[in-house]
Amino acid sequence: VIVQLVLASKMSAQPERLEGPVLSRNLSPLYQHLGIPVLRSAQTLNSGSWTLTSALNIASHSVRERDNGRSFELDGETTRVDIELGVGLSDKVTLNLNVPYLGHSGGHLDSVIDGWHAFFGLPDGARDNQPRDVLRFALGDPAIDDLQENATGLGDLELGLTAQVMSSQTRFLAVSLQHKFSSGDEDRFLGSGVASTAITINATARNCGSETLSCHAQLGLVYLDGSPFVQDTRDFVPYTSLGIAWRFASSLALLGQVDYHGVTYRQKPLAANGAPLWGTLALRWRPSRDWVVDAGFAEDLAVGASPDINFRLGLTYRPQR
């Protein structure tokens, strides 16, 4: 009986493969390099165990703003591949290293998005005045930072540590610390050119009102050591996320999530663009014991401060010990 209780405790301390949150990011060229952490489970890996996650994101941007002689324009697509390794340093501490590789281009999604907007009667915004499948990221008038040629390369690396501070069979609380390095090229919008550090409180509830539901939440603050794009930035930016997972079959789950972070830039017209808020929907499938696949999309809920749409495909491998 004692052995069975110990094994049950070990299993309950492991993140549910199907019910973990979506690692959703704001892929706007102005925000994705700030080092704002993605929503994570408060459950940590067992000592010595590890997990490897790869995620492909394709985001479409279409923003054009002008205010008091200042302007910025984002027109194009971003493709981002994240490779993340998670290692259980102990039963209560997990180390994560994320390595991103990015590409900016004119892309191929403009006609698809225009058709989507037309079908559902949604506004096209700046798309009506921008050419299709053309790349331009420009800040200032005349433009100080101006990207019109395809760019690919390594992004800003992230190193994080999560420590579980409270746990029960179904409730978990953790504190996370993340440092983002300035490894990406800021001149080509592949990085921020500066480091940042974030501290986060993570909470996870399994059996969240139902045995088939799990809930995740985070609240945190990131310290930004400036920005290469705009001089007048806030030193501290708050962020929060809320996610829910519904396991409707033994190997399938539906995931919903909302992410937000505060206004980063004080200078207009960026400040007038508001705080980023986006929602994510995804379907997750576990084809075998060690593998999990998820596919979904993210849509901007506050227009202009995050991509119009972001398509995501993820693959996770965590071997059983």
Protein backbone atom coordinates (compact mmCIF):
# COMPACT_ATOMS: atom_id res chain seq x y z
CA VAL A 1 0.00 0.00 0.00
CA ILE A 2 2.82 2.42 0.87
CA VAL A 3 4.52 1.74 -2.48
CA GLN A 4 1.28 2.39 -4.34
CA LEU A 5 0.79 5.70 -2.52
CA VAL A 6 4.34 6.80 -3.36
CA LEU A 7 3.86 5.91 -7.03
CA ALA A 8 0.56 7.77 -7.13
CA SER A 9 2.20 10.83 -5.62
CA LYS A 10 4.96 10.70 -8.24
CA MET A 11 2.43 10.46 -11.05
CA SER A 12 0.35 13.34 -9.71
CA ALA A 13 3.44 15.54 -9.56
CA GLN A 14 4.01 15.07 -13.31
CA PRO A 15 2.56 17.51 -15.85
CA GLU A 16 -0.34 15.94 -17.72
CA ARG A 17 0.73 15.42 -21.31
CA LEU A 18 -2.71 16.28 -22.62
CA GLU A 19 -3.63 19.00 -20.16
CA GLY A 20 -0.63 21.31 -20.09
CA PRO A 21 -0.99 24.88 -21.39
CA VAL A 22 -0.18 26.08 -24.91
CA LEU A 23 3.22 27.78 -25.22
CA SER A 24 1.66 30.77 -26.98
CA ARG A 25 3.67 33.93 -27.70
CA ASN A 26 3.04 37.41 -29.01
CA LEU A 27 4.95 37.15 -32.31
CA SER A 28 4.77 40.84 -33.18
CA PRO A 29 8.28 41.96 -34.24
CA LEU A 30 8.07 44.67 -31.58
CA TYR A 31 7.11 42.37 -28.70
CA GLN A 32 8.25 38.78 -29.21
CA HIS A 33 11.83 39.56 -28.13
CA LEU A 34 10.95 41.20 -24.82
CA GLY A 35 11.36 37.97 -22.86
CA ILE A 36 7.78 37.72 -21.60
CA PRO A 37 7.38 34.07 -20.46
CA VAL A 38 4.85 31.73 -22.00
CA LEU A 39 2.20 30.16 -19.78
CA ARG A 40 3.57 27.05 -18.07
CA SER A 41 2.21 24.37 -15.79
CA ALA A 42 3.04 24.72 -12.09
CA GLN A 43 3.79 20.99 -12.06
CA THR A 44 7.49 20.21 -12.29
CA LEU A 45 9.33 17.24 -13.79
CA ASN A 46 10.63 14.44 -11.61
CA SER A 47 14.33 14.44 -10.81
CA GLY A 48 16.36 13.19 -13.79
CA SER A 49 13.47 13.20 -16.25
CA TRP A 50 13.47 15.40 -19.33
CA THR A 51 11.28 16.64 -22.16
CA LEU A 52 11.98 18.05 -25.61
CA THR A 53 9.46 20.32 -27.33
CA SER A 54 9.52 21.81 -30.81
CA ALA A 55 7.00 24.37 -32.02
CA LEU A 56 6.43 25.93 -35.44
CA ASN A 57 4.60 29.28 -35.53
CA ILE A 58 3.63 31.25 -38.63
CA ALA A 59 2.26 34.73 -37.88
CA SER A 60 0.88 37.40 -40.21
CA HIS A 61 1.32 41.12 -39.45
CA SER A 62 -0.60 44.08 -40.85
CA VAL A 63 -0.37 47.35 -38.90
CA ARG A 64 0.09 50.94 -40.01
CA GLU A 65 -0.16 53.84 -37.55
CA ARG A 66 0.73 57.53 -37.59
CA ASP A 67 0.57 60.12 -34.79
CA ASN A 68 2.12 63.59 -34.53
CA GLY A 69 4.56 62.97 -37.36
CA ARG A 70 5.66 59.61 -36.00
CA SER A 71 4.71 56.37 -37.69
CA PHE A 72 5.33 52.64 -37.79
CA GLU A 73 4.38 49.90 -40.20
CA LEU A 74 4.42 46.12 -39.86
CA ASP A 75 3.59 44.20 -43.03
CA GLY A 76 4.75 40.63 -43.58
CA GLU A 77 5.03 37.21 -41.98
CA THR A 78 7.15 35.74 -39.22
CA THR A 79 8.06 32.06 -39.07
CA ARG A 80 9.44 30.98 -35.73
CA VAL A 81 10.74 27.56 -34.63
CA ASP A 82 11.33 27.01 -30.92
CA ILE A 83 13.31 24.05 -29.59
CA GLU A 84 12.98 23.74 -25.82
CA LEU A 85 14.64 21.32 -23.45
CA GLY A 86 13.23 20.78 -19.96
CA VAL A 87 15.18 18.89 -17.27
CA GLY A 88 14.05 17.90 -13.79
CA LEU A 89 16.86 18.97 -11.45
CA SER A 90 14.85 17.61 -8.53
CA ASP A 91 11.24 16.58 -7.95
CA LYS A 92 10.41 20.24 -7.28
CA VAL A 93 12.72 22.13 -9.67
CA THR A 94 12.72 22.18 -13.49
CA LEU A 95 15.24 23.90 -15.76
CA ASN A 96 14.14 25.06 -19.25
CA LEU A 97 16.29 26.21 -22.16
CA ASN A 98 14.57 27.59 -25.26
CA VAL A 99 16.40 28.14 -28.56
CA PRO A 100 14.41 30.04 -31.23
CA TYR A 101 15.13 30.33 -34.95
CA LEU A 102 13.24 33.03 -36.85
CA GLY A 103 12.49 34.19 -40.36
CA HIS A 104 10.74 37.34 -41.63
CA SER A 105 9.36 37.49 -45.17
CA GLY A 106 6.48 38.75 -47.30
CA GLY A 107 4.84 35.36 -46.81
CA HIS A 108 1.82 33.81 -48.53
CA LEU A 109 -1.09 34.24 -46.11
CA ASP A 110 -2.49 37.65 -47.10
CA SER A 111 -5.04 36.32 -49.62
CA VAL A 112 -6.14 33.59 -47.20
CA ILE A 113 -6.66 36.11 -44.38
CA ASP A 114 -8.48 38.54 -46.70
CA GLY A 115 -10.86 35.73 -47.64
CA TRP A 116 -11.33 34.78 -43.98
CA HIS A 117 -12.22 38.37 -43.08
CA ALA A 118 -14.60 38.67 -46.02
CA PHE A 119 -16.37 35.39 -45.20
CA PHE A 120 -17.01 36.36 -41.57
CA GLY A 121 -17.57 40.07 -42.24
CA LEU A 122 -14.48 41.12 -40.27
CA PRO A 123 -12.63 44.41 -40.92
CA ASP A 124 -9.41 44.25 -42.92
CA GLY A 125 -7.81 47.22 -41.15
CA ALA A 126 -4.50 48.25 -42.67
CA ARG A 127 -4.59 45.37 -45.17
CA ASP A 128 -6.73 47.47 -47.52
CA ASN A 129 -3.81 49.90 -47.95
CA GLN A 130 -0.89 47.47 -47.98
CA PRO A 131 0.43 45.30 -50.84
CA ARG A 132 -0.04 41.55 -50.59
CA ASP A 133 2.81 39.27 -49.58
CA VAL A 134 5.36 42.08 -49.24
CA LEU A 135 7.72 42.54 -46.29
CA ARG A 136 8.19 45.86 -44.54
CA PHE A 137 8.89 46.49 -40.87
CA ALA A 138 9.51 50.21 -40.45
CA LEU A 139 9.68 52.57 -37.45
CA GLY A 140 9.90 56.34 -37.68
CA ASP A 141 9.29 58.88 -40.42
CA PRO A 142 11.70 58.79 -42.13
CA ALA A 143 12.21 55.16 -41.11
CA ILE A 144 15.04 54.54 -38.64
CA ASP A 145 14.56 50.78 -38.50
CA ASP A 146 13.45 49.53 -41.91
CA LEU A 147 13.41 45.87 -42.93
CA GLN A 148 12.36 45.12 -46.52
CA GLU A 149 14.49 42.07 -47.29
CA ASN A 150 13.95 38.55 -45.97
CA ALA A 151 15.81 37.88 -42.73
CA THR A 152 16.52 34.58 -40.94
CA GLY A 153 18.65 33.66 -37.98
CA LEU A 154 18.94 32.75 -34.33
CA GLY A 155 16.62 34.58 -31.95
CA ASP A 156 17.05 35.49 -28.28
CA LEU A 157 17.74 32.45 -26.08
CA GLU A 158 15.73 31.97 -22.87
CA LEU A 159 16.84 30.16 -19.73
CA GLY A 160 14.27 29.51 -17.01
CA LEU A 161 14.01 27.86 -13.60
CA THR A 162 10.69 26.76 -12.06
CA ALA A 163 10.43 25.83 -8.38
CA GLN A 164 7.26 24.23 -7.03
CA VAL A 165 6.41 25.76 -3.65
CA MET A 166 3.05 24.07 -2.90
CA SER A 167 1.41 20.90 -4.16
CA SER A 168 -1.39 18.41 -3.51
CA GLN A 169 -2.97 15.69 -5.61
CA THR A 170 -4.72 18.25 -7.82
CA ARG A 171 -3.38 21.73 -6.92
CA PHE A 172 0.08 23.15 -7.66
CA LEU A 173 1.81 26.49 -7.12
CA ALA A 174 5.25 27.46 -8.44
CA VAL A 175 7.58 30.42 -8.83
CA SER A 176 9.56 30.84 -12.05
CA LEU A 177 12.58 32.95 -12.93
CA GLN A 178 13.55 33.50 -16.57
CA HIS A 179 16.45 35.32 -18.19
CA LYS A 180 16.43 36.23 -21.88
CA PHE A 181 19.76 36.72 -23.62
CA SER A 182 20.43 39.18 -26.45
CA SER A 183 21.58 36.57 -28.97
CA GLY A 184 19.40 37.70 -31.91
CA ASP A 185 20.25 40.40 -34.46
CA GLU A 186 18.17 43.47 -33.56
CA ASP A 187 18.94 45.20 -36.87
CA ARG A 188 16.95 42.48 -38.68
CA PHE A 189 14.23 42.24 -36.01
CA LEU A 190 15.54 38.82 -34.89
CA GLY A 191 16.23 39.96 -31.33
CA SER A 192 15.89 42.90 -28.99
CA GLY A 193 19.58 43.67 -28.55
CA VAL A 194 19.14 43.77 -24.78
CA ALA A 195 18.63 41.24 -21.98
CA SER A 196 15.55 40.94 -19.79
CA THR A 197 14.58 39.10 -16.62
CA ALA A 198 11.11 37.95 -15.55
CA ILE A 199 9.61 36.52 -12.37
CA THR A 200 6.33 34.60 -12.51
CA ILE A 201 3.85 32.95 -10.17
CA ASN A 202 2.29 29.87 -11.80
CA ALA A 203 -0.80 27.99 -10.62
CA THR A 204 -2.29 24.73 -11.93
CA ALA A 205 -5.51 22.99 -10.93
CA ARG A 206 -6.38 19.53 -12.16
CA ASN A 207 -10.01 18.45 -11.81
CA CYS A 208 -10.90 22.13 -12.25
CA GLY A 209 -14.63 21.85 -11.59
CA SER A 210 -14.68 18.57 -13.48
CA GLU A 211 -12.44 15.52 -13.75
CA THR A 212 -11.90 16.27 -17.44
CA LEU A 213 -10.86 19.93 -16.96
CA SER A 214 -7.50 21.43 -15.98
CA CYS A 215 -6.80 25.14 -15.41
CA HIS A 216 -3.56 27.12 -15.60
CA ALA A 217 -2.79 30.71 -14.65
CA GLN A 218 0.25 32.93 -14.35
CA LEU A 219 1.00 36.44 -13.15
CA GLY A 220 4.36 38.10 -13.48
CA LEU A 221 6.61 41.08 -14.08
CA VAL A 222 9.43 41.44 -16.61
CA TYR A 223 12.31 43.89 -16.31
CA LEU A 224 13.35 45.35 -19.67
CA ASP A 225 16.80 46.83 -20.09
CA GLY A 226 15.67 49.22 -22.83
CA SER A 227 14.76 48.63 -26.49
CA PRO A 228 16.63 49.22 -29.77
CA PHE A 229 13.40 50.28 -31.50
CA VAL A 230 12.09 53.05 -29.22
CA GLN A 231 14.02 55.01 -26.58
CA ASP A 232 11.10 55.64 -24.23
CA THR A 233 10.12 52.21 -22.85
CA ARG A 234 8.81 51.09 -19.50
CA ASP A 235 11.31 49.38 -17.20
CA PHE A 236 8.77 46.92 -15.80
CA VAL A 237 5.90 45.34 -17.75
CA PRO A 238 3.23 43.12 -16.12
CA TYR A 239 1.77 40.08 -17.84
CA THR A 240 -0.83 37.44 -17.13
CA SER A 241 -2.31 34.35 -18.79
CA LEU A 242 -5.24 32.02 -18.22
CA GLY A 243 -5.66 28.63 -19.87
CA ILE A 244 -8.05 25.70 -19.71
CA ALA A 245 -7.79 22.17 -21.08
CA TRP A 246 -10.72 19.82 -21.66
CA ARG A 247 -9.80 16.14 -22.00
CA PHE A 248 -12.74 14.81 -24.01
CA ALA A 249 -11.13 11.46 -24.90
CA SER A 250 -8.31 9.30 -23.57
CA SER A 251 -5.84 10.73 -26.09
CA LEU A 252 -7.47 14.04 -27.12
CA ALA A 253 -7.87 17.44 -25.47
CA LEU A 254 -9.16 20.85 -26.49
CA LEU A 255 -7.16 23.82 -25.21
CA GLY A 256 -8.19 27.46 -24.82
CA GLN A 257 -6.02 30.31 -23.58
CA VAL A 258 -5.92 34.09 -23.21
CA ASP A 259 -2.64 36.02 -22.83
CA TYR A 260 -2.02 39.67 -21.97
CA HIS A 261 0.88 41.96 -21.22
CA GLY A 262 1.02 45.66 -20.43
CA VAL A 263 1.87 48.55 -22.72
CA THR A 264 5.64 48.55 -23.25
CA TYR A 265 6.31 51.69 -25.27
CA ARG A 266 5.46 55.17 -23.98
CA GLN A 267 6.13 56.88 -27.30
CA LYS A 268 3.26 57.44 -29.74
CA PRO A 269 1.94 55.92 -31.93
CA LEU A 270 3.09 52.66 -30.31
CA ALA A 271 1.62 53.63 -26.94
CA ALA A 272 -1.73 54.48 -28.54
CA ASN A 273 -1.80 51.01 -30.06
CA GLY A 274 -2.75 49.64 -26.64
CA ALA A 275 -1.81 46.58 -24.62
CA PRO A 276 -1.47 43.24 -26.44
CA LEU A 277 -4.25 40.71 -25.82
CA TRP A 278 -4.59 37.51 -27.81
CA GLY A 279 -6.49 34.23 -27.61
CA THR A 280 -5.37 30.73 -28.57
CA LEU A 281 -7.30 27.57 -29.47
CA ALA A 282 -5.60 24.22 -30.02
CA LEU A 283 -6.30 20.52 -30.33
CA ARG A 284 -3.86 18.15 -28.63
CA TRP A 285 -3.37 14.47 -29.49
CA ARG A 286 -1.28 11.83 -27.75
CA PRO A 287 -0.53 9.17 -30.41
CA SER A 288 1.70 7.14 -28.04
CA ARG A 289 2.92 7.11 -24.46
CA ASP A 290 5.93 9.35 -25.11
CA TRP A 291 4.67 11.72 -27.82
CA VAL A 292 2.19 14.60 -27.92
CA VAL A 293 1.13 16.67 -30.94
CA ASP A 294 -0.87 19.90 -30.85
CA ALA A 295 -2.17 22.15 -33.62
CA GLY A 296 -4.00 25.44 -33.29
CA PHE A 297 -4.11 29.15 -33.95
CA ALA A 298 -3.94 32.45 -32.06
CA GLU A 299 -5.99 35.55 -32.93
CA ASP A 300 -5.47 39.13 -31.76
CA LEU A 301 -8.21 40.25 -29.38
CA ALA A 302 -6.78 43.79 -29.21
CA VAL A 303 -6.12 44.74 -32.82
CA GLY A 304 -2.65 45.97 -33.74
CA ALA A 305 -0.55 44.98 -30.74
CA SER A 306 -0.21 41.30 -31.72
CA PRO A 307 -0.34 39.45 -35.09
CA ASP A 308 -3.59 39.22 -37.04
CA ILE A 309 -3.34 35.46 -36.80
CA ASN A 310 -0.73 32.91 -35.78
CA PHE A 311 -0.85 29.26 -36.84
CA ARG A 312 0.92 26.83 -34.52
CA LEU A 313 2.09 23.21 -34.68
CA GLY A 314 3.83 21.61 -31.69
CA LEU A 315 5.53 18.28 -31.00
CA THR A 316 6.66 17.09 -27.54
CA TYR A 317 8.70 14.04 -26.58
CA ARG A 318 9.04 12.96 -22.96
CA PRO A 319 10.30 9.42 -22.43
CA GLN A 320 8.85 7.34 -19.62
CA ARG A 321 11.34 6.22 -17.03
